[in-house]
Amino acid sequence: MTTLSHEPSPALERPNLSLRPVLGEVAASLAIGVMWLAVLLDAVFGPNILTSNGAGTNTSSVPSAVPIALFAFLATWVLARYAFRRDPGR
């Protein structure tokens, strides 16, 4: 006569670690969102960059969000490239 052993109870099994590979992507997504939120807040509440020549007769104004958006774009590009890559050895 053959007997079958019972499977281990679910309480004693190791926890499912399937979310671990996704945590890096979630952190990268949050970082990108915070960068662009900073650009938005600077565009709404930030000052302008004012330039003038020596005599003060020729002045120009650029919103400070423009250079910040440029750097946020570059940072988003780099972060997304390395955080969302699909390498089998990762």
PDB file of N, CA and C in Angstrom:
ATOM      1  N   MET A   1       0.843  -1.157   0.000  1.00  0.00           N
ATOM      2  CA  MET A   1       0.000   0.000   0.000  1.00  0.00           C
ATOM      3  C   MET A   1       0.904   1.240   0.000  1.00  0.00           C
ATOM      4  N   THR A   2       0.530   2.203  -0.797  1.00  0.00           N
ATOM      5  CA  THR A   2       1.316   3.421  -0.922  1.00  0.00           C
ATOM      6  C   THR A   2       0.578   4.564  -0.239  1.00  0.00           C
ATOM      7  N   THR A   3       1.346   5.404   0.424  1.00  0.00           N
ATOM      8  CA  THR A   3       0.747   6.577   1.067  1.00  0.00           C
ATOM      9  C   THR A   3       1.320   7.826   0.438  1.00  0.00           C
ATOM     10  N   LEU A   4       0.535   8.860   0.405  1.00  0.00           N
ATOM     11  CA  LEU A   4       0.969  10.147  -0.137  1.00  0.00           C
ATOM     12  C   LEU A   4       1.233  11.102   1.011  1.00  0.00           C
ATOM     13  N   SER A   5       2.319  11.839   0.891  1.00  0.00           N
ATOM     14  CA  SER A   5       2.596  12.826   1.927  1.00  0.00           C
ATOM     15  C   SER A   5       1.823  14.111   1.636  1.00  0.00           C
ATOM     16  N   HIS A   6       1.545  14.829   2.648  1.00  0.00           N
ATOM     17  CA  HIS A   6       0.826  16.093   2.496  1.00  0.00           C
ATOM     18  C   HIS A   6       1.783  17.182   2.033  1.00  0.00           C
ATOM     19  N   GLU A   7       1.260  18.120   1.292  1.00  0.00           N
ATOM     20  CA  GLU A   7       2.066  19.262   0.882  1.00  0.00           C
ATOM     21  C   GLU A   7       2.263  20.178   2.079  1.00  0.00           C
ATOM     22  N   PRO A   8       3.363  20.931   2.104  1.00  0.00           N
ATOM     23  CA  PRO A   8       3.565  21.839   3.232  1.00  0.00           C
ATOM     24  C   PRO A   8       2.480  22.917   3.264  1.00  0.00           C
ATOM     25  N   SER A   9       2.178  23.366   4.444  1.00  0.00           N
ATOM     26  CA  SER A   9       1.137  24.376   4.579  1.00  0.00           C
ATOM     27  C   SER A   9       1.620  25.700   3.992  1.00  0.00           C
ATOM     28  N   PRO A  10       0.705  26.522   3.467  1.00  0.00           N
ATOM     29  CA  PRO A  10       1.110  27.794   2.859  1.00  0.00           C
ATOM     30  C   PRO A  10       1.777  28.737   3.857  1.00  0.00           C
ATOM     31  N   ALA A  11       1.498  28.611   5.128  1.00  0.00           N
ATOM     32  CA  ALA A  11       2.091  29.504   6.122  1.00  0.00           C
ATOM     33  C   ALA A  11       3.583  29.247   6.280  1.00  0.00           C
ATOM     34  N   LEU A  12       4.041  28.041   5.991  1.00  0.00           N
ATOM     35  CA  LEU A  12       5.447  27.709   6.165  1.00  0.00           C
ATOM     36  C   LEU A  12       6.271  27.918   4.900  1.00  0.00           C
ATOM     37  N   GLU A  13       5.641  28.181   3.788  1.00  0.00           N
ATOM     38  CA  GLU A  13       6.361  28.389   2.541  1.00  0.00           C
ATOM     39  C   GLU A  13       7.047  29.744   2.557  1.00  0.00           C
ATOM     40  N   ARG A  14       8.056  29.882   1.713  1.00  0.00           N
ATOM     41  CA  ARG A  14       8.761  31.161   1.586  1.00  0.00           C
ATOM     42  C   ARG A  14       7.843  32.188   0.926  1.00  0.00           C
ATOM     43  N   PRO A  15       7.972  33.440   1.281  1.00  0.00           N
ATOM     44  CA  PRO A  15       7.116  34.458   0.647  1.00  0.00           C
ATOM     45  C   PRO A  15       7.448  34.593  -0.840  1.00  0.00           C
ATOM     46  N   ASN A  16       6.470  34.995  -1.579  1.00  0.00           N
ATOM     47  CA  ASN A  16       6.638  35.171  -3.019  1.00  0.00           C
ATOM     48  C   ASN A  16       7.472  36.426  -3.277  1.00  0.00           C
ATOM     49  N   LEU A  17       8.600  36.263  -3.926  1.00  0.00           N
ATOM     50  CA  LEU A  17       9.496  37.388  -4.192  1.00  0.00           C
ATOM     51  C   LEU A  17       9.385  37.864  -5.632  1.00  0.00           C
ATOM     52  N   SER A  18       8.245  37.678  -6.244  1.00  0.00           N
ATOM     53  CA  SER A  18       8.105  38.037  -7.644  1.00  0.00           C
ATOM     54  C   SER A  18       8.054  39.548  -7.871  1.00  0.00           C
ATOM     55  N   LEU A  19       7.820  40.328  -6.846  1.00  0.00           N
ATOM     56  CA  LEU A  19       7.785  41.784  -7.011  1.00  0.00           C
ATOM     57  C   LEU A  19       9.168  42.413  -6.964  1.00  0.00           C
ATOM     58  N   ARG A  20      10.168  41.674  -6.556  1.00  0.00           N
ATOM     59  CA  ARG A  20      11.504  42.238  -6.407  1.00  0.00           C
ATOM     60  C   ARG A  20      12.055  42.844  -7.696  1.00  0.00           C
ATOM     61  N   PRO A  21      11.946  42.208  -8.862  1.00  0.00           N
ATOM     62  CA  PRO A  21      12.471  42.842 -10.082  1.00  0.00           C
ATOM     63  C   PRO A  21      11.722  44.111 -10.468  1.00  0.00           C
ATOM     64  N   VAL A  22      10.508  44.272 -10.028  1.00  0.00           N
ATOM     65  CA  VAL A  22       9.699  45.428 -10.407  1.00  0.00           C
ATOM     66  C   VAL A  22      10.028  46.651  -9.544  1.00  0.00           C
ATOM     67  N   LEU A  23      10.596  46.453  -8.374  1.00  0.00           N
ATOM     68  CA  LEU A  23      10.835  47.572  -7.464  1.00  0.00           C
ATOM     69  C   LEU A  23      11.782  48.607  -8.050  1.00  0.00           C
ATOM     70  N   GLY A  24      12.778  48.184  -8.801  1.00  0.00           N
ATOM     71  CA  GLY A  24      13.679  49.140  -9.443  1.00  0.00           C
ATOM     72  C   GLY A  24      12.960  49.997 -10.463  1.00  0.00           C
ATOM     73  N   GLU A  25      12.057  49.387 -11.208  1.00  0.00           N
ATOM     74  CA  GLU A  25      11.288  50.143 -12.195  1.00  0.00           C
ATOM     75  C   GLU A  25      10.314  51.108 -11.521  1.00  0.00           C
ATOM     76  N   VAL A  26       9.746  50.706 -10.405  1.00  0.00           N
ATOM     77  CA  VAL A  26       8.838  51.593  -9.665  1.00  0.00           C
ATOM     78  C   VAL A  26       9.618  52.777  -9.111  1.00  0.00           C
ATOM     79  N   ALA A  27      10.796  52.524  -8.560  1.00  0.00           N
ATOM     80  CA  ALA A  27      11.618  53.617  -8.021  1.00  0.00           C
ATOM     81  C   ALA A  27      12.038  54.575  -9.127  1.00  0.00           C
ATOM     82  N   ALA A  28      12.400  54.052 -10.283  1.00  0.00           N
ATOM     83  CA  ALA A  28      12.777  54.913 -11.410  1.00  0.00           C
ATOM     84  C   ALA A  28      11.588  55.740 -11.895  1.00  0.00           C
ATOM     85  N   SER A  29      10.419  55.128 -11.937  1.00  0.00           N
ATOM     86  CA  SER A  29       9.222  55.871 -12.353  1.00  0.00           C
ATOM     87  C   SER A  29       8.899  56.994 -11.383  1.00  0.00           C
ATOM     88  N   LEU A  30       9.024  56.715 -10.096  1.00  0.00           N
ATOM     89  CA  LEU A  30       8.787  57.767  -9.098  1.00  0.00           C
ATOM     90  C   LEU A  30       9.814  58.887  -9.219  1.00  0.00           C
ATOM     91  N   ALA A  31      11.073  58.532  -9.463  1.00  0.00           N
ATOM     92  CA  ALA A  31      12.112  59.556  -9.615  1.00  0.00           C
ATOM     93  C   ALA A  31      11.847  60.444 -10.822  1.00  0.00           C
ATOM     94  N   ILE A  32      11.434  59.837 -11.924  1.00  0.00           N
ATOM     95  CA  ILE A  32      11.128  60.623 -13.122  1.00  0.00           C
ATOM     96  C   ILE A  32       9.916  61.516 -12.867  1.00  0.00           C
ATOM     97  N   GLY A  33       8.915  60.998 -12.197  1.00  0.00           N
ATOM     98  CA  GLY A  33       7.744  61.812 -11.874  1.00  0.00           C
ATOM     99  C   GLY A  33       8.077  62.986 -10.978  1.00  0.00           C
ATOM    100  N   VAL A  34       8.946  62.777  -9.997  1.00  0.00           N
ATOM    101  CA  VAL A  34       9.339  63.865  -9.092  1.00  0.00           C
ATOM    102  C   VAL A  34      10.151  64.914  -9.841  1.00  0.00           C
ATOM    103  N   MET A  35      10.998  64.485 -10.772  1.00  0.00           N
ATOM    104  CA  MET A  35      11.761  65.462 -11.567  1.00  0.00           C
ATOM    105  C   MET A  35      10.831  66.383 -12.348  1.00  0.00           C
ATOM    106  N   TRP A  36       9.843  65.787 -13.006  1.00  0.00           N
ATOM    107  CA  TRP A  36       8.948  66.608 -13.818  1.00  0.00           C
ATOM    108  C   TRP A  36       7.964  67.401 -12.963  1.00  0.00           C
ATOM    109  N   LEU A  37       7.671  66.923 -11.778  1.00  0.00           N
ATOM    110  CA  LEU A  37       6.867  67.720 -10.849  1.00  0.00           C
ATOM    111  C   LEU A  37       7.648  68.960 -10.408  1.00  0.00           C
ATOM    112  N   ALA A  38       8.956  68.808 -10.207  1.00  0.00           N
ATOM    113  CA  ALA A  38       9.786  69.964  -9.870  1.00  0.00           C
ATOM    114  C   ALA A  38       9.813  70.966 -11.016  1.00  0.00           C
ATOM    115  N   VAL A  39       9.856  70.487 -12.252  1.00  0.00           N
ATOM    116  CA  VAL A  39       9.805  71.396 -13.407  1.00  0.00           C
ATOM    117  C   VAL A  39       8.474  72.129 -13.442  1.00  0.00           C
ATOM    118  N   LEU A  40       7.390  71.417 -13.195  1.00  0.00           N
ATOM    119  CA  LEU A  40       6.069  72.042 -13.190  1.00  0.00           C
ATOM    120  C   LEU A  40       5.965  73.113 -12.112  1.00  0.00           C
ATOM    121  N   LEU A  41       6.409  72.785 -10.908  1.00  0.00           N
ATOM    122  CA  LEU A  41       6.327  73.761  -9.820  1.00  0.00           C
ATOM    123  C   LEU A  41       7.214  74.974 -10.086  1.00  0.00           C
ATOM    124  N   ASP A  42       8.370  74.757 -10.705  1.00  0.00           N
ATOM    125  CA  ASP A  42       9.220  75.894 -11.041  1.00  0.00           C
ATOM    126  C   ASP A  42       8.585  76.739 -12.142  1.00  0.00           C
ATOM    127  N   ALA A  43       7.907  76.090 -13.081  1.00  0.00           N
ATOM    128  CA  ALA A  43       7.250  76.855 -14.140  1.00  0.00           C
ATOM    129  C   ALA A  43       6.122  77.712 -13.590  1.00  0.00           C
ATOM    130  N   VAL A  44       5.427  77.207 -12.581  1.00  0.00           N
ATOM    131  CA  VAL A  44       4.303  77.960 -12.024  1.00  0.00           C
ATOM    132  C   VAL A  44       4.776  79.029 -11.044  1.00  0.00           C
ATOM    133  N   PHE A  45       5.693  78.665 -10.144  1.00  0.00           N
ATOM    134  CA  PHE A  45       6.068  79.571  -9.061  1.00  0.00           C
ATOM    135  C   PHE A  45       7.463  80.176  -9.195  1.00  0.00           C
ATOM    136  N   GLY A  46       8.264  79.703 -10.142  1.00  0.00           N
ATOM    137  CA  GLY A  46       9.654  80.148 -10.242  1.00  0.00           C
ATOM    138  C   GLY A  46       9.797  81.506 -10.910  1.00  0.00           C
ATOM    139  N   PRO A  47      10.931  82.147 -10.699  1.00  0.00           N
ATOM    140  CA  PRO A  47      11.182  83.453 -11.306  1.00  0.00           C
ATOM    141  C   PRO A  47      11.679  83.306 -12.745  1.00  0.00           C
ATOM    142  N   ASN A  48      11.832  84.408 -13.402  1.00  0.00           N
ATOM    143  CA  ASN A  48      12.409  84.445 -14.741  1.00  0.00           C
ATOM    144  C   ASN A  48      13.899  84.728 -14.636  1.00  0.00           C
ATOM    145  N   ILE A  49      14.651  84.309 -15.646  1.00  0.00           N
ATOM    146  CA  ILE A  49      16.063  84.636 -15.743  1.00  0.00           C
ATOM    147  C   ILE A  49      16.152  85.912 -16.575  1.00  0.00           C
ATOM    148  N   LEU A  50      16.633  86.972 -15.971  1.00  0.00           N
ATOM    149  CA  LEU A  50      16.705  88.276 -16.635  1.00  0.00           C
ATOM    150  C   LEU A  50      18.135  88.563 -17.047  1.00  0.00           C
ATOM    151  N   THR A  51      18.325  88.990 -18.280  1.00  0.00           N
ATOM    152  CA  THR A  51      19.644  89.401 -18.753  1.00  0.00           C
ATOM    153  C   THR A  51      19.521  90.786 -19.368  1.00  0.00           C
ATOM    154  N   SER A  52      20.599  91.537 -19.260  1.00  0.00           N
ATOM    155  CA  SER A  52      20.620  92.871 -19.870  1.00  0.00           C
ATOM    156  C   SER A  52      22.042  93.202 -20.276  1.00  0.00           C
ATOM    157  N   ASN A  53      22.156  94.138 -21.208  1.00  0.00           N
ATOM    158  CA  ASN A  53      23.491  94.578 -21.578  1.00  0.00           C
ATOM    159  C   ASN A  53      23.989  95.586 -20.550  1.00  0.00           C
ATOM    160  N   GLY A  54      25.170  96.097 -20.711  1.00  0.00           N
ATOM    161  CA  GLY A  54      25.762  96.987 -19.714  1.00  0.00           C
ATOM    162  C   GLY A  54      24.956  98.245 -19.461  1.00  0.00           C
ATOM    163  N   ALA A  55      24.348  98.809 -20.484  1.00  0.00           N
ATOM    164  CA  ALA A  55      23.595 100.048 -20.318  1.00  0.00           C
ATOM    165  C   ALA A  55      22.196  99.790 -19.780  1.00  0.00           C
ATOM    166  N   GLY A  56      21.726  98.580 -19.848  1.00  0.00           N
ATOM    167  CA  GLY A  56      20.394  98.276 -19.347  1.00  0.00           C
ATOM    168  C   GLY A  56      19.281  98.604 -20.310  1.00  0.00           C
ATOM    169  N   THR A  57      19.627  98.924 -21.542  1.00  0.00           N
ATOM    170  CA  THR A  57      18.584  99.279 -22.504  1.00  0.00           C
ATOM    171  C   THR A  57      18.012  98.057 -23.200  1.00  0.00           C
ATOM    172  N   ASN A  58      18.799  97.009 -23.331  1.00  0.00           N
ATOM    173  CA  ASN A  58      18.345  95.811 -24.016  1.00  0.00           C
ATOM    174  C   ASN A  58      18.256  94.675 -22.995  1.00  0.00           C
ATOM    175  N   THR A  59      17.058  94.280 -22.649  1.00  0.00           N
ATOM    176  CA  THR A  59      16.880  93.221 -21.652  1.00  0.00           C
ATOM    177  C   THR A  59      16.096  92.068 -22.274  1.00  0.00           C
ATOM    178  N   SER A  60      16.298  90.899 -21.720  1.00  0.00           N
ATOM    179  CA  SER A  60      15.525  89.730 -22.150  1.00  0.00           C
ATOM    180  C   SER A  60      15.194  88.885 -20.929  1.00  0.00           C
ATOM    181  N   SER A  61      14.175  88.111 -21.061  1.00  0.00           N
ATOM    182  CA  SER A  61      13.683  87.305 -19.949  1.00  0.00           C
ATOM    183  C   SER A  61      13.350  85.904 -20.455  1.00  0.00           C
ATOM    184  N   VAL A  62      13.801  84.894 -19.696  1.00  0.00           N
ATOM    185  CA  VAL A  62      13.526  83.495 -20.026  1.00  0.00           C
ATOM    186  C   VAL A  62      12.988  82.836 -18.758  1.00  0.00           C
ATOM    187  N   PRO A  63      11.906  82.096 -18.845  1.00  0.00           N
ATOM    188  CA  PRO A  63      11.425  81.396 -17.648  1.00  0.00           C
ATOM    189  C   PRO A  63      12.492  80.416 -17.140  1.00  0.00           C
ATOM    190  N   SER A  64      12.643  80.337 -15.845  1.00  0.00           N
ATOM    191  CA  SER A  64      13.682  79.472 -15.280  1.00  0.00           C
ATOM    192  C   SER A  64      13.354  78.001 -15.470  1.00  0.00           C
ATOM    193  N   ALA A  65      12.140  77.675 -15.833  1.00  0.00           N
ATOM    194  CA  ALA A  65      11.771  76.282 -16.072  1.00  0.00           C
ATOM    195  C   ALA A  65      12.395  75.742 -17.353  1.00  0.00           C
ATOM    196  N   VAL A  66      12.822  76.607 -18.263  1.00  0.00           N
ATOM    197  CA  VAL A  66      13.392  76.140 -19.529  1.00  0.00           C
ATOM    198  C   VAL A  66      14.704  75.387 -19.306  1.00  0.00           C
ATOM    199  N   PRO A  67      15.704  75.952 -18.625  1.00  0.00           N
ATOM    200  CA  PRO A  67      16.927  75.161 -18.401  1.00  0.00           C
ATOM    201  C   PRO A  67      16.698  73.974 -17.460  1.00  0.00           C
ATOM    202  N   ILE A  68      15.792  74.119 -16.516  1.00  0.00           N
ATOM    203  CA  ILE A  68      15.504  73.000 -15.613  1.00  0.00           C
ATOM    204  C   ILE A  68      14.847  71.872 -16.387  1.00  0.00           C
ATOM    205  N   ALA A  69      13.978  72.192 -17.333  1.00  0.00           N
ATOM    206  CA  ALA A  69      13.351  71.161 -18.164  1.00  0.00           C
ATOM    207  C   ALA A  69      14.383  70.477 -19.050  1.00  0.00           C
ATOM    208  N   LEU A  70      15.370  71.209 -19.527  1.00  0.00           N
ATOM    209  CA  LEU A  70      16.427  70.603 -20.327  1.00  0.00           C
ATOM    210  C   LEU A  70      17.188  69.563 -19.509  1.00  0.00           C
ATOM    211  N   PHE A  71      17.581  69.930 -18.280  1.00  0.00           N
ATOM    212  CA  PHE A  71      18.300  68.979 -17.434  1.00  0.00           C
ATOM    213  C   PHE A  71      17.402  67.831 -16.976  1.00  0.00           C
ATOM    214  N   ALA A  72      16.124  68.093 -16.755  1.00  0.00           N
ATOM    215  CA  ALA A  72      15.202  67.015 -16.389  1.00  0.00           C
ATOM    216  C   ALA A  72      15.019  66.048 -17.558  1.00  0.00           C
ATOM    217  N   PHE A  73      15.002  66.570 -18.779  1.00  0.00           N
ATOM    218  CA  PHE A  73      14.913  65.704 -19.948  1.00  0.00           C
ATOM    219  C   PHE A  73      16.135  64.796 -20.049  1.00  0.00           C
ATOM    220  N   LEU A  74      17.320  65.371 -19.878  1.00  0.00           N
ATOM    221  CA  LEU A  74      18.541  64.572 -19.949  1.00  0.00           C
ATOM    222  C   LEU A  74      18.580  63.521 -18.838  1.00  0.00           C
ATOM    223  N   ALA A  75      18.176  63.903 -17.629  1.00  0.00           N
ATOM    224  CA  ALA A  75      18.166  62.962 -16.511  1.00  0.00           C
ATOM    225  C   ALA A  75      17.122  61.870 -16.735  1.00  0.00           C
ATOM    226  N   THR A  76      15.978  62.220 -17.298  1.00  0.00           N
ATOM    227  CA  THR A  76      14.951  61.226 -17.598  1.00  0.00           C
ATOM    228  C   THR A  76      15.456  60.234 -18.638  1.00  0.00           C
ATOM    229  N   TRP A  77      16.137  60.729 -19.623  1.00  0.00           N
ATOM    230  CA  TRP A  77      16.672  59.884 -20.690  1.00  0.00           C
ATOM    231  C   TRP A  77      17.662  58.860 -20.125  1.00  0.00           C
ATOM    232  N   VAL A  78      18.598  59.338 -19.313  1.00  0.00           N
ATOM    233  CA  VAL A  78      19.610  58.453 -18.738  1.00  0.00           C
ATOM    234  C   VAL A  78      18.965  57.465 -17.766  1.00  0.00           C
ATOM    235  N   LEU A  79      18.119  57.944 -16.899  1.00  0.00           N
ATOM    236  CA  LEU A  79      17.491  57.073 -15.910  1.00  0.00           C
ATOM    237  C   LEU A  79      16.621  56.006 -16.568  1.00  0.00           C
ATOM    238  N   ALA A  80      15.840  56.391 -17.555  1.00  0.00           N
ATOM    239  CA  ALA A  80      14.985  55.425 -18.243  1.00  0.00           C
ATOM    240  C   ALA A  80      15.807  54.423 -19.030  1.00  0.00           C
ATOM    241  N   ARG A  81      16.903  54.863 -19.591  1.00  0.00           N
ATOM    242  CA  ARG A  81      17.746  53.959 -20.376  1.00  0.00           C
ATOM    243  C   ARG A  81      18.310  52.836 -19.510  1.00  0.00           C
ATOM    244  N   TYR A  82      18.753  53.166 -18.304  1.00  0.00           N
ATOM    245  CA  TYR A  82      19.371  52.165 -17.453  1.00  0.00           C
ATOM    246  C   TYR A  82      18.381  51.453 -16.536  1.00  0.00           C
ATOM    247  N   ALA A  83      17.298  52.084 -16.158  1.00  0.00           N
ATOM    248  CA  ALA A  83      16.352  51.447 -15.235  1.00  0.00           C
ATOM    249  C   ALA A  83      15.385  50.514 -15.948  1.00  0.00           C
ATOM    250  N   PHE A  84      15.060  50.796 -17.195  1.00  0.00           N
ATOM    251  CA  PHE A  84      14.056  50.010 -17.903  1.00  0.00           C
ATOM    252  C   PHE A  84      14.653  49.110 -18.983  1.00  0.00           C
ATOM    253  N   ARG A  85      15.951  48.894 -18.966  1.00  0.00           N
ATOM    254  CA  ARG A  85      16.555  48.017 -19.970  1.00  0.00           C
ATOM    255  C   ARG A  85      16.179  46.564 -19.692  1.00  0.00           C
ATOM    256  N   ARG A  86      16.197  45.783 -20.726  1.00  0.00           N
ATOM    257  CA  ARG A  86      15.826  44.370 -20.611  1.00  0.00           C
ATOM    258  C   ARG A  86      17.061  43.511 -20.899  1.00  0.00           C
ATOM    259  N   ASP A  87      17.887  43.313 -19.879  1.00  0.00           N
ATOM    260  CA  ASP A  87      19.054  42.462 -20.010  1.00  0.00           C
ATOM    261  C   ASP A  87      18.798  41.138 -19.300  1.00  0.00           C
ATOM    262  N   PRO A  88      19.167  40.028 -19.918  1.00  0.00           N
ATOM    263  CA  PRO A  88      18.970  38.755 -19.247  1.00  0.00           C
ATOM    264  C   PRO A  88      19.892  38.586 -18.031  1.00  0.00           C
ATOM    265  N   GLY A  89      21.014  39.268 -18.012  1.00  0.00           N
ATOM    266  CA  GLY A  89      21.951  39.135 -16.898  1.00  0.00           C
ATOM    267  C   GLY A  89      21.703  40.084 -15.751  1.00  0.00           C
ATOM    268  N   ARG A  90      20.634  40.850 -15.812  1.00  0.00           N
ATOM    269  CA  ARG A  90      20.377  41.864 -14.775  1.00  0.00           C
ATOM    270  C   ARG A  90      19.820  41.266 -13.553  1.00  0.00           C
TER     271      ARG A  90
END
